[in-house]
Amino acid sequence: MKLSSPSFGVFIISVVLFCLVVAVKYVNIAIPVVSGNTFEILMVAYVAMLAGVVFGNI
């Protein structure tokens, strides 16, 4: 299996999701979709990054 770097878009999506979770958890900003699902949003960010690395430029 050959791994590659994720595309820039996948990287940005992952970073934005991570920043939203950090804002909700540590800055106490209320974001309705993220506030109750911080772990799930972090998993989506991780899976997006993983898919970008494993499957190439998606």
N, C-alpha and C. Protein backbone atom coordinates (compact mmCIF):
# COMPACT_ATOMS: atom_id res chain seq x y z
N MET A 1 0.85 -1.16 0.00
CA MET A 1 0.00 0.00 0.00
C MET A 1 0.91 1.23 0.00
N LYS A 2 0.66 2.10 -0.97
CA LYS A 2 1.44 3.33 -1.04
C LYS A 2 0.65 4.48 -0.46
N LEU A 3 1.25 5.17 0.51
CA LEU A 3 0.59 6.30 1.14
C LEU A 3 1.04 7.58 0.45
N SER A 4 0.13 8.55 0.43
CA SER A 4 0.46 9.84 -0.17
C SER A 4 -0.07 10.95 0.72
N SER A 5 0.37 12.15 0.43
CA SER A 5 -0.14 13.27 1.22
C SER A 5 -1.56 13.59 0.78
N PRO A 6 -2.40 14.02 1.71
CA PRO A 6 -3.79 14.34 1.34
C PRO A 6 -3.84 15.61 0.50
N SER A 7 -4.91 15.78 -0.23
CA SER A 7 -5.07 17.01 -1.00
C SER A 7 -5.25 18.18 -0.04
N PHE A 8 -5.06 19.36 -0.56
CA PHE A 8 -5.16 20.56 0.27
C PHE A 8 -6.57 20.72 0.82
N GLY A 9 -7.57 20.40 0.01
CA GLY A 9 -8.96 20.52 0.46
C GLY A 9 -9.29 19.61 1.63
N VAL A 10 -8.84 18.37 1.56
CA VAL A 10 -9.07 17.43 2.66
C VAL A 10 -8.37 17.89 3.92
N PHE A 11 -7.17 18.40 3.76
CA PHE A 11 -6.42 18.91 4.90
C PHE A 11 -7.15 20.08 5.56
N ILE A 12 -7.65 21.02 4.76
CA ILE A 12 -8.35 22.19 5.29
C ILE A 12 -9.64 21.77 6.00
N ILE A 13 -10.39 20.84 5.42
CA ILE A 13 -11.62 20.35 6.05
C ILE A 13 -11.31 19.75 7.42
N SER A 14 -10.27 18.95 7.49
CA SER A 14 -9.89 18.31 8.74
C SER A 14 -9.48 19.35 9.79
N VAL A 15 -8.72 20.34 9.38
CA VAL A 15 -8.26 21.37 10.31
C VAL A 15 -9.43 22.23 10.79
N VAL A 16 -10.35 22.56 9.90
CA VAL A 16 -11.52 23.36 10.30
C VAL A 16 -12.37 22.61 11.31
N LEU A 17 -12.61 21.33 11.08
CA LEU A 17 -13.39 20.53 12.03
C LEU A 17 -12.69 20.46 13.39
N PHE A 18 -11.38 20.27 13.36
CA PHE A 18 -10.61 20.24 14.61
C PHE A 18 -10.72 21.57 15.35
N CYS A 19 -10.59 22.68 14.63
CA CYS A 19 -10.68 24.00 15.26
C CYS A 19 -12.06 24.25 15.86
N LEU A 20 -13.11 23.78 15.20
CA LEU A 20 -14.46 23.92 15.74
C LEU A 20 -14.59 23.18 17.07
N VAL A 21 -14.06 21.97 17.13
CA VAL A 21 -14.13 21.19 18.36
C VAL A 21 -13.33 21.86 19.47
N VAL A 22 -12.15 22.36 19.16
CA VAL A 22 -11.34 23.06 20.17
C VAL A 22 -12.07 24.30 20.67
N ALA A 23 -12.71 25.04 19.76
CA ALA A 23 -13.45 26.24 20.16
C ALA A 23 -14.60 25.89 21.10
N VAL A 24 -15.28 24.80 20.84
CA VAL A 24 -16.39 24.39 21.69
C VAL A 24 -15.88 23.91 23.05
N LYS A 25 -14.83 23.09 23.05
CA LYS A 25 -14.36 22.48 24.29
C LYS A 25 -13.62 23.46 25.20
N TYR A 26 -12.73 24.27 24.64
CA TYR A 26 -11.82 25.04 25.48
C TYR A 26 -12.07 26.54 25.49
N VAL A 27 -12.78 27.05 24.49
CA VAL A 27 -13.07 28.48 24.46
C VAL A 27 -14.53 28.72 24.85
N ASN A 28 -15.28 27.65 25.00
CA ASN A 28 -16.69 27.68 25.40
C ASN A 28 -17.57 28.47 24.45
N ILE A 29 -17.34 28.29 23.17
CA ILE A 29 -18.21 28.87 22.14
C ILE A 29 -19.30 27.86 21.84
N ALA A 30 -20.53 28.30 21.79
CA ALA A 30 -21.65 27.40 21.52
C ALA A 30 -21.90 27.30 20.02
N ILE A 31 -21.61 26.14 19.45
CA ILE A 31 -21.90 25.84 18.05
C ILE A 31 -22.87 24.68 18.07
N PRO A 32 -24.13 24.89 17.67
CA PRO A 32 -25.17 23.88 17.88
C PRO A 32 -24.84 22.48 17.37
N VAL A 33 -24.30 22.35 16.18
CA VAL A 33 -24.03 21.01 15.62
C VAL A 33 -22.86 20.35 16.32
N VAL A 34 -21.89 21.12 16.73
CA VAL A 34 -20.66 20.57 17.29
C VAL A 34 -20.75 20.35 18.80
N SER A 35 -21.49 21.19 19.50
CA SER A 35 -21.47 21.19 20.96
C SER A 35 -21.78 19.84 21.59
N GLY A 36 -22.74 19.13 21.08
CA GLY A 36 -23.10 17.84 21.67
C GLY A 36 -22.37 16.66 21.07
N ASN A 37 -21.59 16.89 20.02
CA ASN A 37 -20.97 15.79 19.28
C ASN A 37 -19.48 16.00 19.07
N THR A 38 -18.77 16.45 20.08
CA THR A 38 -17.36 16.78 19.88
C THR A 38 -16.53 15.56 19.49
N PHE A 39 -16.75 14.44 20.14
CA PHE A 39 -15.97 13.24 19.82
C PHE A 39 -16.26 12.78 18.40
N GLU A 40 -17.52 12.80 18.01
CA GLU A 40 -17.88 12.36 16.66
C GLU A 40 -17.29 13.28 15.59
N ILE A 41 -17.28 14.57 15.85
CA ILE A 41 -16.70 15.52 14.89
C ILE A 41 -15.20 15.30 14.78
N LEU A 42 -14.53 15.02 15.90
CA LEU A 42 -13.10 14.71 15.84
C LEU A 42 -12.84 13.43 15.05
N MET A 43 -13.71 12.45 15.19
CA MET A 43 -13.56 11.21 14.42
C MET A 43 -13.74 11.47 12.93
N VAL A 44 -14.69 12.32 12.56
CA VAL A 44 -14.89 12.66 11.14
C VAL A 44 -13.65 13.35 10.59
N ALA A 45 -13.06 14.26 11.38
CA ALA A 45 -11.83 14.95 10.95
C ALA A 45 -10.70 13.95 10.74
N TYR A 46 -10.56 13.01 11.67
CA TYR A 46 -9.50 12.01 11.57
C TYR A 46 -9.72 11.09 10.37
N VAL A 47 -10.94 10.64 10.18
CA VAL A 47 -11.23 9.73 9.07
C VAL A 47 -11.03 10.44 7.73
N ALA A 48 -11.39 11.72 7.65
CA ALA A 48 -11.15 12.48 6.43
C ALA A 48 -9.66 12.55 6.12
N MET A 49 -8.86 12.83 7.14
CA MET A 49 -7.42 12.89 6.94
C MET A 49 -6.85 11.51 6.58
N LEU A 50 -7.33 10.48 7.25
CA LEU A 50 -6.88 9.12 6.96
C LEU A 50 -7.22 8.72 5.53
N ALA A 51 -8.44 9.01 5.09
CA ALA A 51 -8.85 8.69 3.73
C ALA A 51 -8.00 9.46 2.72
N GLY A 52 -7.67 10.71 3.03
CA GLY A 52 -6.81 11.47 2.14
C GLY A 52 -5.42 10.89 2.02
N VAL A 53 -4.89 10.33 3.09
CA VAL A 53 -3.56 9.73 3.07
C VAL A 53 -3.59 8.37 2.37
N VAL A 54 -4.58 7.56 2.67
CA VAL A 54 -4.62 6.20 2.12
C VAL A 54 -5.03 6.19 0.65
N PHE A 55 -6.03 6.96 0.29
CA PHE A 55 -6.57 6.90 -1.07
C PHE A 55 -6.01 7.97 -2.00
N GLY A 56 -5.08 8.75 -1.56
CA GLY A 56 -4.48 9.75 -2.43
C GLY A 56 -5.32 11.00 -2.52
N ASN A 57 -5.27 11.64 -3.64
CA ASN A 57 -5.98 12.91 -3.86
C ASN A 57 -7.46 12.66 -4.11
N ILE A 58 -8.24 12.70 -3.03
CA ILE A 58 -9.69 12.50 -3.17
C ILE A 58 -10.40 13.83 -3.17
